[in-house]
Amino acid sequence: MSQPGPINRRRFLGLGVCTLGAAYLGRRSLAAFAPPLVEFSLVARAQRVQLAGHPASLITYNGLVPSPRLEFRPGDTVRVHFHNQLGEATNLHFHGLHVSPQGHGDNVFLHISPGERFTYEFTLPENHPAGLFYYHPHLHGRVAEQVFRGLGGMLVVRGDIDEIPAVKSAREEFLFLKDFALDNQGEIIPPTPAERMNGQEGSLVTANGQVNPTWTIPQGGLVRLRILNGSRARFYRLALQGHPLYLIATDGRALAKPVELQELLLAPAQRAEVLIQGNQPAGNYRLMDLPYDRGGMMTRPQAAPILIATLSYRGSVPPLSLPTELIPVSPVPEPTRVRQIKFSMGMGGMGTMDGMGGMNSMMGMNGGSPMRFLINDRTFDPNRVDALVKLGTVEEWELMNVDPDHMDHVFHIHTNQFQITHRNGVPEPYLAWRDIALMRGGETVRIRIPFRDFPGRTVYHCHTLDHEDLGMMGVVEMKA
């Protein structure tokens, strides 16, 4: 499906992402603005929508599931006019972007009340990496439910990787993965206590709001598949029948060269970009979500593969080659400080107040002691600084999953991305920038974070969103 022509970047278009080849939003015009300004309008509201061909009662941005895809470039000033028409408070998080966490920027401490309007504004640094990012609500205590009910969309920063000839020649497709739990009337099914503890998954698994959409590839061609896991807690273990996946970017940042994979595992909020070669006999090939066990005594592992989408061959082109080089990735320098960050779950005691009227705890399975999700033995307190760091320095964080239930946890930090150096003492096989680090039960993962450019307070947490809401989050303050 062809892409639209340039769109004036001071204008927001209410287009949706409903197929793998759908039009994108916010493309820059050829006209010059000084300074560059990109403006969007987002309205959060509850409504009945068509989801995978069936009516559903969800909450949306601009009436669309998934939400509109927003695009801009390094150096742009981005202005998002947000209107909360929900019956509860909410806010926005610009996941993965290296922008200010203060004021009207990527400020997750904001509390936007029902009916309130708020304008977010930030400027991307001129050297901001190109890639695939994510926006979603981040009001503590309400994140899991608001995401599960439909909120969340893609952010695309255009730049250097898009101009690599082999990448530019590939057909670009987007894949927003999200699961839902709906009853016969199309209403969201609330989680059981066990689902709340482990992270709720739904039986309806969608790609761009559909069940098994199709995208095409010509014989000899290339597809650049840009994938985002927009689910509350579900992991996706992806494999494409008859085709290896050539990984070219992780969490919005390009690799130095493609990495061949037979499977791709995506934790919640994780992104990846892969190239697919059209070098098989003409036909239809299935993209499958293979079973994955997230651990935990109460988690029910997926019983069988789930069909996500279908790749269909149509036409032919002169054979296109994979790139051999992408964007150089330099290792993060030696750290000036090392910290241990322990993720665990415990019983007993009361959780701390979240500062927004909620309690960072839940009742145990027997209705007795509350269950707590902890970082360094503490639940989240927005008024406490858990890590005070100095701008211009590098820190090494030793992430330790000491959960006695051997449940997977998913580390995420705002504002600054990092590199994984070791997993259980073994060096990472390739160098990559990330903002998500999976810690399986009992694992220790070492990461290096360069704290750059922006002072202020933000957070790090588990991106299994139920765990975040139940206390598994800390505050990092960056001082000049």
Protein backbone atom coordinates (compact mmCIF):
# COMPACT_ATOMS: atom_id res chain seq x y z
CA MET A 1 0.00 0.00 0.00
CA SER A 2 1.50 3.34 -1.01
CA GLN A 3 2.30 6.05 1.51
CA PRO A 4 0.70 9.54 1.32
CA GLY A 5 2.56 12.61 0.17
CA PRO A 6 4.12 15.14 2.56
CA ILE A 7 1.77 16.61 5.15
CA ASN A 8 2.07 20.08 6.65
CA ARG A 9 3.74 19.40 9.98
CA ARG A 10 1.80 22.08 11.88
CA ARG A 11 -1.35 20.06 11.28
CA PHE A 12 -2.63 16.89 12.94
CA LEU A 13 -4.48 14.31 10.86
CA GLY A 14 -6.92 11.94 12.54
CA LEU A 15 -5.86 8.89 10.56
CA GLY A 16 -5.73 5.44 12.12
CA VAL A 17 -3.37 2.51 11.92
CA CYS A 18 -5.74 -0.28 10.94
CA THR A 19 -3.63 -2.32 8.54
CA LEU A 20 0.03 -3.17 8.32
CA GLY A 21 0.48 -0.71 5.48
CA ALA A 22 -1.54 2.18 6.91
CA ALA A 23 -0.63 5.83 6.40
CA TYR A 24 1.46 7.50 9.06
CA LEU A 25 0.95 10.82 10.79
CA GLY A 26 2.96 13.93 11.27
CA ARG A 27 5.21 13.58 8.20
CA ARG A 28 7.23 16.73 7.66
CA SER A 29 6.30 19.05 4.83
CA LEU A 30 8.85 20.28 2.34
CA ALA A 31 8.32 23.81 3.59
CA ALA A 32 10.90 25.22 5.98
CA PHE A 33 9.97 26.42 9.45
CA ALA A 34 12.29 28.13 11.88
CA PRO A 35 12.29 26.67 14.44
CA PRO A 36 10.83 23.35 13.25
CA LEU A 37 7.47 22.77 14.93
CA VAL A 38 5.28 19.67 14.86
CA GLU A 39 1.86 19.87 16.51
CA PHE A 40 -0.61 17.11 17.30
CA SER A 41 -3.96 16.93 19.11
CA LEU A 42 -4.82 13.89 21.23
CA VAL A 43 -8.17 13.34 22.95
CA ALA A 44 -8.51 10.51 25.48
CA ARG A 45 -12.10 9.28 25.70
CA ALA A 46 -14.23 6.18 26.27
CA GLN A 47 -16.24 4.86 23.34
CA ARG A 48 -17.46 1.81 21.44
CA VAL A 49 -15.07 0.84 18.65
CA GLN A 50 -14.65 -2.00 16.20
CA LEU A 51 -11.89 -4.30 17.44
CA ALA A 52 -10.92 -7.28 15.30
CA GLY A 53 -14.35 -7.02 13.65
CA HIS A 54 -16.36 -6.90 16.88
CA PRO A 55 -17.77 -3.98 18.92
CA ALA A 56 -15.83 -3.25 22.11
CA SER A 57 -16.04 -0.67 24.90
CA LEU A 58 -12.53 0.76 25.14
CA ILE A 59 -10.74 4.00 25.85
CA THR A 60 -8.87 5.59 22.97
CA TYR A 61 -6.79 8.46 21.74
CA ASN A 62 -8.76 10.14 18.93
CA GLY A 63 -11.15 7.19 18.68
CA LEU A 64 -8.52 4.81 17.30
CA VAL A 65 -7.08 1.48 18.45
CA PRO A 66 -4.17 1.43 18.13
CA SER A 67 -3.74 5.15 18.66
CA PRO A 68 -2.51 7.49 15.89
CA ARG A 69 1.10 7.12 14.84
CA LEU A 70 3.03 10.38 15.38
CA GLU A 71 6.19 11.23 13.44
CA PHE A 72 8.91 13.86 13.70
CA ARG A 73 12.67 14.41 13.26
CA PRO A 74 15.68 15.34 15.39
CA GLY A 75 15.67 19.08 16.12
CA ASP A 76 11.88 19.34 15.93
CA THR A 77 9.91 21.05 18.66
CA VAL A 78 6.96 18.78 19.39
CA ARG A 79 3.73 20.19 20.79
CA VAL A 80 0.94 17.81 21.84
CA HIS A 81 -2.40 19.36 22.74
CA PHE A 82 -3.94 16.81 25.10
CA HIS A 83 -7.56 16.75 26.27
CA ASN A 84 -8.64 14.28 28.94
CA GLN A 85 -12.28 13.33 28.34
CA LEU A 86 -12.06 10.20 30.49
CA GLY A 87 -13.94 9.89 33.76
CA GLU A 88 -10.64 9.62 35.63
CA ALA A 89 -7.22 11.28 35.76
CA THR A 90 -4.46 10.32 33.34
CA ASN A 91 -1.31 11.69 31.67
CA LEU A 92 1.16 10.88 28.85
CA HIS A 93 4.61 9.29 28.74
CA PHE A 94 6.83 9.54 25.65
CA HIS A 95 8.58 6.21 26.13
CA GLY A 96 12.18 6.03 24.94
CA LEU A 97 12.56 9.67 23.90
CA HIS A 98 15.61 11.54 25.17
CA VAL A 99 13.83 14.75 26.17
CA SER A 100 13.33 16.78 29.34
CA PRO A 101 11.35 15.03 32.11
CA GLN A 102 10.34 18.33 33.67
CA GLY A 103 7.52 20.87 33.26
CA HIS A 104 5.61 20.33 30.04
CA GLY A 105 8.03 17.66 28.81
CA ASP A 106 7.98 13.91 29.50
CA ASN A 107 6.74 14.58 33.02
CA VAL A 108 5.12 11.44 34.45
CA PHE A 109 4.34 13.15 37.76
CA LEU A 110 1.62 15.21 36.09
CA HIS A 111 -1.99 14.53 37.11
CA ILE A 112 -4.40 15.58 34.35
CA SER A 113 -7.91 15.57 35.76
CA PRO A 114 -11.13 14.65 33.90
CA GLY A 115 -12.04 17.42 31.49
CA GLU A 116 -8.63 19.10 31.78
CA ARG A 117 -6.56 20.23 28.80
CA PHE A 118 -2.78 20.25 28.86
CA THR A 119 -0.15 21.04 26.23
CA TYR A 120 3.03 18.96 26.27
CA GLU A 121 6.03 20.51 24.58
CA PHE A 122 9.62 19.36 24.14
CA THR A 123 12.45 19.68 21.64
CA LEU A 124 14.32 16.66 20.36
CA PRO A 125 18.09 17.13 20.40
CA GLU A 126 19.66 17.50 16.96
CA ASN A 127 21.54 14.24 17.58
CA HIS A 128 18.48 12.31 18.76
CA PRO A 129 18.54 8.78 17.30
CA ALA A 130 16.04 7.80 14.66
CA GLY A 131 13.81 4.92 15.59
CA LEU A 132 10.53 3.55 16.89
CA PHE A 133 9.24 4.81 20.25
CA TYR A 134 5.98 4.62 22.20
CA TYR A 135 3.45 6.86 23.95
CA HIS A 136 1.04 5.69 26.62
CA PRO A 137 -0.49 6.81 29.95
CA HIS A 138 1.69 6.79 33.07
CA LEU A 139 -0.48 7.84 36.02
CA HIS A 140 0.73 5.63 38.86
CA GLY A 141 -1.90 3.16 40.02
CA ARG A 142 -3.90 3.42 36.77
CA VAL A 143 -1.32 2.58 34.10
CA ALA A 144 -2.08 -1.14 33.64
CA GLU A 145 -5.84 -0.69 33.30
CA GLN A 146 -5.67 2.34 31.00
CA VAL A 147 -3.21 0.59 28.67
CA PHE A 148 -5.20 -2.65 28.73
CA ARG A 149 -8.40 -0.79 27.85
CA GLY A 150 -6.82 0.61 24.69
CA LEU A 151 -4.48 3.57 25.19
CA GLY A 152 -1.11 3.58 23.45
CA GLY A 153 0.48 4.39 20.11
CA MET A 154 3.69 4.58 18.12
CA LEU A 155 6.17 7.43 17.94
CA VAL A 156 8.53 7.50 14.97
CA VAL A 157 11.66 9.62 14.76
CA ARG A 158 12.91 9.81 11.17
CA GLY A 159 16.63 10.08 10.54
CA ASP A 160 19.88 8.37 9.64
CA ILE A 161 18.80 4.72 9.44
CA ASP A 162 15.97 5.65 7.07
CA GLU A 163 18.53 6.92 4.54
CA ILE A 164 20.64 3.76 4.36
CA PRO A 165 20.01 2.60 0.76
CA ALA A 166 19.18 -1.02 1.59
CA VAL A 167 16.80 0.07 4.37
CA LYS A 168 15.27 2.78 2.24
CA SER A 169 14.56 0.29 -0.54
CA ALA A 170 12.61 -2.00 1.81
CA ARG A 171 8.84 -1.83 2.08
CA GLU A 172 8.05 -0.35 5.50
CA GLU A 173 5.37 -1.98 7.63
CA PHE A 174 4.33 -1.33 11.25
CA LEU A 175 3.05 -3.93 13.71
CA PHE A 176 1.43 -2.81 16.99
CA LEU A 177 0.81 -5.88 19.17
CA LYS A 178 -1.82 -5.77 21.89
CA ASP A 179 -4.03 -8.27 23.71
CA PHE A 180 -7.48 -7.74 25.24
CA ALA A 181 -9.84 -9.62 27.56
CA LEU A 182 -13.47 -8.99 26.50
CA ASP A 183 -16.75 -10.51 27.61
CA ASN A 184 -19.65 -11.30 25.25
CA GLN A 185 -20.82 -7.68 25.37
CA GLY A 186 -17.40 -6.34 24.40
CA GLU A 187 -16.61 -5.04 27.90
CA ILE A 188 -13.13 -5.38 29.39
CA ILE A 189 -12.94 -8.24 31.89
CA PRO A 190 -11.36 -7.07 35.16
CA PRO A 191 -8.37 -9.06 36.43
CA THR A 192 -8.62 -11.72 39.11
CA PRO A 193 -6.28 -11.34 42.10
CA ALA A 194 -3.92 -13.87 40.51
CA GLU A 195 -3.93 -11.98 37.20
CA ARG A 196 -3.29 -8.71 39.02
CA MET A 197 -0.30 -10.26 40.74
CA ASN A 198 1.18 -11.85 37.63
CA GLY A 199 0.11 -9.29 35.05
CA GLN A 200 -3.16 -9.68 33.17
CA GLU A 201 -3.20 -11.17 29.68
CA GLY A 202 -6.18 -11.37 27.32
CA SER A 203 -7.28 -14.14 24.97
CA LEU A 204 -7.86 -11.72 22.06
CA VAL A 205 -4.43 -11.05 20.53
CA THR A 206 -4.38 -8.31 17.88
CA ALA A 207 -1.97 -6.81 15.40
CA ASN A 208 -2.90 -3.24 14.51
CA GLY A 209 -6.34 -3.87 16.01
CA GLN A 210 -6.96 -6.91 13.79
CA VAL A 211 -6.72 -10.67 14.00
CA ASN A 212 -4.30 -12.04 11.41
CA PRO A 213 -3.83 -9.06 9.07
CA THR A 214 -1.83 -9.65 5.88
CA TRP A 215 1.11 -7.74 4.52
CA THR A 216 2.81 -8.38 1.20
CA ILE A 217 6.31 -8.82 -0.15
CA PRO A 218 7.44 -9.09 -3.78
CA GLN A 219 9.66 -11.96 -4.85
CA GLY A 220 13.21 -10.61 -4.44
CA GLY A 221 12.09 -7.72 -2.25
CA LEU A 222 12.69 -6.62 1.34
CA VAL A 223 10.25 -5.72 4.11
CA ARG A 224 11.24 -3.55 7.06
CA LEU A 225 8.92 -4.69 9.84
CA ARG A 226 8.77 -2.26 12.79
CA ILE A 227 7.22 -3.98 15.82
CA LEU A 228 6.01 -2.63 19.17
CA ASN A 229 4.68 -4.67 22.10
CA GLY A 230 1.87 -2.46 23.42
CA SER A 231 0.51 -5.05 25.84
CA ARG A 232 -0.01 -4.77 29.57
CA ALA A 233 1.93 -7.92 30.50
CA ARG A 234 2.03 -10.32 27.53
CA PHE A 235 5.37 -11.30 26.01
CA TYR A 236 5.61 -12.10 22.30
CA ARG A 237 7.98 -14.81 21.04
CA LEU A 238 7.79 -14.25 17.30
CA ALA A 239 8.87 -16.53 14.46
CA LEU A 240 8.08 -16.22 10.73
CA GLN A 241 7.50 -19.45 8.85
CA GLY A 242 10.31 -20.13 6.38
CA HIS A 243 12.10 -16.81 6.97
CA PRO A 244 14.86 -15.67 9.33
CA LEU A 245 14.47 -12.22 10.87
CA TYR A 246 17.37 -9.80 10.42
CA LEU A 247 17.37 -7.51 13.45
CA ILE A 248 18.44 -3.95 12.57
CA ALA A 249 17.23 -1.94 15.59
CA THR A 250 16.25 -2.45 19.25
CA ASP A 251 14.16 -0.11 21.41
CA GLY A 252 14.34 2.63 18.83
CA ARG A 253 18.07 2.54 18.12
CA ALA A 254 19.90 1.07 15.13
CA LEU A 255 22.49 -1.70 15.45
CA ALA A 256 25.92 -1.55 13.84
CA LYS A 257 25.03 -4.43 11.51
CA PRO A 258 22.11 -6.83 11.06
CA VAL A 259 21.82 -9.83 13.39
CA GLU A 260 20.15 -12.97 12.04
CA LEU A 261 17.48 -14.45 14.35
CA GLN A 262 15.12 -17.38 14.10
CA GLU A 263 12.97 -16.01 16.92
CA LEU A 264 12.38 -12.57 18.40
CA LEU A 265 11.26 -12.15 22.03
CA LEU A 266 9.57 -8.86 22.95
CA ALA A 267 8.73 -7.95 26.55
CA PRO A 268 6.04 -5.31 27.25
CA ALA A 269 6.93 -1.92 25.68
CA GLN A 270 9.91 -3.42 23.84
CA ARG A 271 10.41 -2.52 20.18
CA ALA A 272 12.39 -4.13 17.40
CA GLU A 273 12.92 -3.62 13.70
CA VAL A 274 13.67 -6.53 11.38
CA LEU A 275 14.31 -6.98 7.68
CA ILE A 276 12.68 -9.89 5.87
CA GLN A 277 13.92 -11.14 2.50
CA GLY A 278 11.46 -12.24 -0.15
CA ASN A 279 13.52 -15.26 -1.19
CA GLN A 280 11.06 -18.12 -0.66
CA PRO A 281 8.58 -19.72 -3.09
CA ALA A 282 5.45 -17.67 -3.66
CA GLY A 283 2.75 -18.34 -1.08
CA ASN A 284 1.53 -17.33 2.38
CA TYR A 285 3.74 -17.53 5.48
CA ARG A 286 2.55 -17.25 9.06
CA LEU A 287 4.02 -14.97 11.72
CA MET A 288 3.46 -16.89 14.96
CA ASP A 289 3.60 -16.03 18.64
CA LEU A 290 5.20 -19.11 20.20
CA PRO A 291 4.51 -20.22 23.79
CA TYR A 292 6.53 -18.41 26.46
CA ASP A 293 6.60 -18.98 30.22
CA ARG A 294 6.90 -15.74 32.23
CA GLY A 295 7.44 -17.68 35.45
CA GLY A 296 5.50 -17.30 38.67
CA MET A 297 3.49 -19.93 40.47
CA MET A 298 0.13 -18.49 39.34
CA THR A 299 1.04 -17.68 35.71
CA ARG A 300 -0.57 -19.88 33.08
CA PRO A 301 1.91 -20.38 30.23
CA GLN A 302 0.51 -20.03 26.71
CA ALA A 303 -0.58 -23.48 25.60
CA ALA A 304 -0.15 -23.23 21.82
CA PRO A 305 1.22 -20.90 19.12
CA ILE A 306 -1.00 -17.94 18.17
CA LEU A 307 -1.26 -16.67 14.61
CA ILE A 308 -0.31 -12.97 14.59
CA ALA A 309 -0.19 -12.02 10.89
CA THR A 310 0.43 -13.45 7.42
CA LEU A 311 3.14 -12.56 4.90
CA SER A 312 1.92 -12.98 1.33
CA TYR A 313 4.07 -12.90 -1.82
CA ARG A 314 2.82 -10.65 -4.61
CA GLY A 315 4.73 -9.72 -7.74
CA SER A 316 8.50 -9.61 -8.11
CA VAL A 317 11.37 -7.13 -8.23
CA PRO A 318 15.08 -7.43 -9.01
CA PRO A 319 16.64 -9.04 -5.91
CA LEU A 320 17.45 -6.58 -3.12
CA SER A 321 20.36 -7.23 -0.77
CA LEU A 322 20.54 -6.91 2.97
CA PRO A 323 22.72 -4.08 4.32
CA THR A 324 26.07 -5.13 5.71
CA GLU A 325 26.55 -2.00 7.85
CA LEU A 326 24.04 0.17 9.66
CA ILE A 327 24.83 2.89 12.26
CA PRO A 328 28.02 2.58 14.37
CA VAL A 329 27.41 1.81 18.05
CA SER A 330 30.11 2.89 20.49
CA PRO A 331 30.35 1.19 23.89
CA VAL A 332 29.45 3.25 26.95
CA PRO A 333 32.61 4.29 28.88
CA GLU A 334 33.60 2.82 32.25
CA PRO A 335 31.21 3.80 35.05
CA THR A 336 31.91 6.26 37.85
CA ARG A 337 29.50 4.43 40.17
CA VAL A 338 27.97 0.95 40.53
CA ARG A 339 24.55 0.33 42.11
CA GLN A 340 22.58 -2.80 42.91
CA ILE A 341 18.87 -2.68 42.04
CA LYS A 342 16.90 -5.66 43.41
CA PHE A 343 13.44 -6.61 42.15
CA SER A 344 11.32 -8.78 44.43
CA MET A 345 7.85 -9.55 45.70
CA GLY A 346 6.87 -9.93 49.35
CA MET A 347 3.99 -10.47 51.73
CA GLY A 348 3.02 -8.57 54.85
CA GLY A 349 3.19 -4.92 55.88
CA MET A 350 1.44 -2.02 54.21
CA GLY A 351 2.56 -0.47 50.96
CA THR A 352 3.39 3.20 50.84
CA MET A 353 0.82 5.68 49.64
CA ASP A 354 1.31 6.49 45.97
CA GLY A 355 0.58 10.19 46.48
CA MET A 356 -2.44 10.02 44.15
CA GLY A 357 -5.02 8.47 46.39
CA GLY A 358 -4.04 4.84 45.90
CA MET A 359 -2.21 2.18 47.87
CA ASN A 360 0.84 0.39 46.53
CA SER A 361 -0.29 -3.00 47.75
CA MET A 362 -2.81 -5.70 47.05
CA MET A 363 -4.48 -8.34 49.14
CA GLY A 364 -2.84 -11.72 49.20
CA MET A 365 -4.45 -14.69 47.53
CA ASN A 366 -6.04 -15.70 50.81
CA GLY A 367 -7.39 -12.22 51.49
CA GLY A 368 -4.86 -11.73 54.30
CA SER A 369 -1.51 -9.96 54.11
CA PRO A 370 -1.04 -7.50 51.22
CA MET A 371 1.22 -8.43 48.32
CA ARG A 372 3.98 -5.91 47.63
CA PHE A 373 6.16 -5.45 44.56
CA LEU A 374 9.49 -4.01 45.61
CA ILE A 375 12.68 -2.41 44.35
CA ASN A 376 15.42 -2.66 46.96
CA ASP A 377 12.79 -3.78 49.49
CA ARG A 378 10.70 -0.62 49.10
CA THR A 379 7.51 0.24 47.27
CA PHE A 380 7.20 3.41 45.23
CA ASP A 381 7.05 6.78 46.95
CA PRO A 382 6.94 9.80 44.58
CA ASN A 383 8.37 12.03 47.31
CA ARG A 384 11.48 9.90 47.87
CA VAL A 385 14.58 9.96 45.65
CA ASP A 386 15.92 6.43 45.26
CA ALA A 387 18.88 7.22 43.00
CA LEU A 388 20.60 10.63 42.92
CA VAL A 389 22.86 10.84 39.86
CA LYS A 390 25.10 13.48 38.33
CA LEU A 391 24.66 14.60 34.74
CA GLY A 392 27.65 13.85 32.54
CA THR A 393 28.51 10.63 34.38
CA VAL A 394 28.09 6.94 33.60
CA GLU A 395 26.65 4.50 36.13
CA GLU A 396 26.56 0.73 36.07
CA TRP A 397 23.42 -0.78 37.54
CA GLU A 398 23.36 -4.41 38.55
CA LEU A 399 19.72 -5.44 38.06
CA MET A 400 18.91 -8.47 40.19
CA ASN A 401 15.68 -10.44 39.97
CA VAL A 402 15.50 -11.98 43.44
CA ASP A 403 11.76 -12.63 43.28
CA PRO A 404 11.11 -15.82 45.28
CA ASP A 405 8.32 -16.70 42.83
CA HIS A 406 10.87 -16.71 39.92
CA MET A 407 8.65 -14.36 37.94
CA ASP A 408 10.06 -12.37 35.01
CA HIS A 409 10.50 -8.63 35.56
CA VAL A 410 11.05 -5.98 32.89
CA PHE A 411 13.31 -3.04 33.79
CA HIS A 412 12.66 0.32 32.13
CA ILE A 413 14.19 3.74 32.83
CA HIS A 414 12.96 7.05 31.44
CA THR A 415 14.94 9.80 29.65
CA ASN A 416 18.30 7.98 29.17
CA GLN A 417 18.84 4.72 27.31
CA PHE A 418 21.48 2.17 28.29
CA GLN A 419 23.57 -0.74 27.06
CA ILE A 420 23.44 -4.24 28.53
CA THR A 421 26.98 -5.46 29.19
CA HIS A 422 26.47 -8.83 30.91
CA ARG A 423 23.70 -11.30 31.68
CA ASN A 424 24.52 -13.72 34.54
CA GLY A 425 28.17 -12.86 34.07
CA VAL A 426 28.16 -13.64 30.33
CA PRO A 427 28.86 -10.72 27.94
CA GLU A 428 26.03 -9.65 25.67
CA PRO A 429 26.46 -11.09 22.16
CA TYR A 430 26.12 -7.74 20.37
CA LEU A 431 26.20 -4.06 21.31
CA ALA A 432 22.82 -2.30 21.36
CA TRP A 433 21.04 0.65 22.92
CA ARG A 434 17.95 -0.21 24.94
CA ASP A 435 15.41 1.17 27.39
CA ILE A 436 14.02 -2.28 28.30
CA ALA A 437 15.95 -5.10 30.02
CA LEU A 438 14.29 -8.44 30.66
CA MET A 439 15.26 -10.16 33.91
CA ARG A 440 14.10 -13.75 34.08
CA GLY A 441 13.67 -15.37 37.47
CA GLY A 442 17.00 -15.44 39.31
CA GLU A 443 18.88 -13.46 36.65
CA THR A 444 21.36 -10.64 37.15
CA VAL A 445 21.72 -8.16 34.29
CA ARG A 446 24.40 -5.45 34.24
CA ILE A 447 23.69 -2.24 32.33
CA ARG A 448 25.58 1.02 31.77
CA ILE A 449 23.62 4.27 31.67
CA PRO A 450 25.10 7.59 30.51
CA PHE A 451 23.10 10.35 32.20
CA ARG A 452 23.08 13.17 29.68
CA ASP A 453 21.63 16.58 28.92
CA PHE A 454 18.49 16.83 31.07
CA PRO A 455 18.24 17.51 34.80
CA GLY A 456 15.14 16.63 36.76
CA ARG A 457 13.23 13.78 38.40
CA THR A 458 11.89 10.75 36.58
CA VAL A 459 11.37 7.04 37.26
CA TYR A 460 12.56 3.51 36.63
CA HIS A 461 10.25 0.53 37.07
CA CYS A 462 9.04 -2.88 35.97
CA HIS A 463 7.15 -2.64 32.68
CA THR A 464 4.88 -5.51 33.55
CA LEU A 465 2.38 -2.77 34.25
CA ASP A 466 0.53 -4.46 37.12
CA HIS A 467 3.86 -4.71 38.97
CA GLU A 468 4.58 -1.03 38.37
CA ASP A 469 1.15 -0.02 39.68
CA LEU A 470 1.64 -2.23 42.74
CA GLY A 471 4.84 -0.51 43.82
CA MET A 472 7.75 -1.76 41.66
CA MET A 473 9.04 1.69 40.75
CA GLY A 474 11.71 4.12 41.97
CA VAL A 475 12.63 7.78 41.47
CA VAL A 476 15.90 8.87 39.89
CA GLU A 477 16.94 12.53 40.16
CA MET A 478 19.50 13.89 37.70
CA LYS A 479 21.52 16.85 39.02
CA ALA A 480 23.70 19.17 36.96
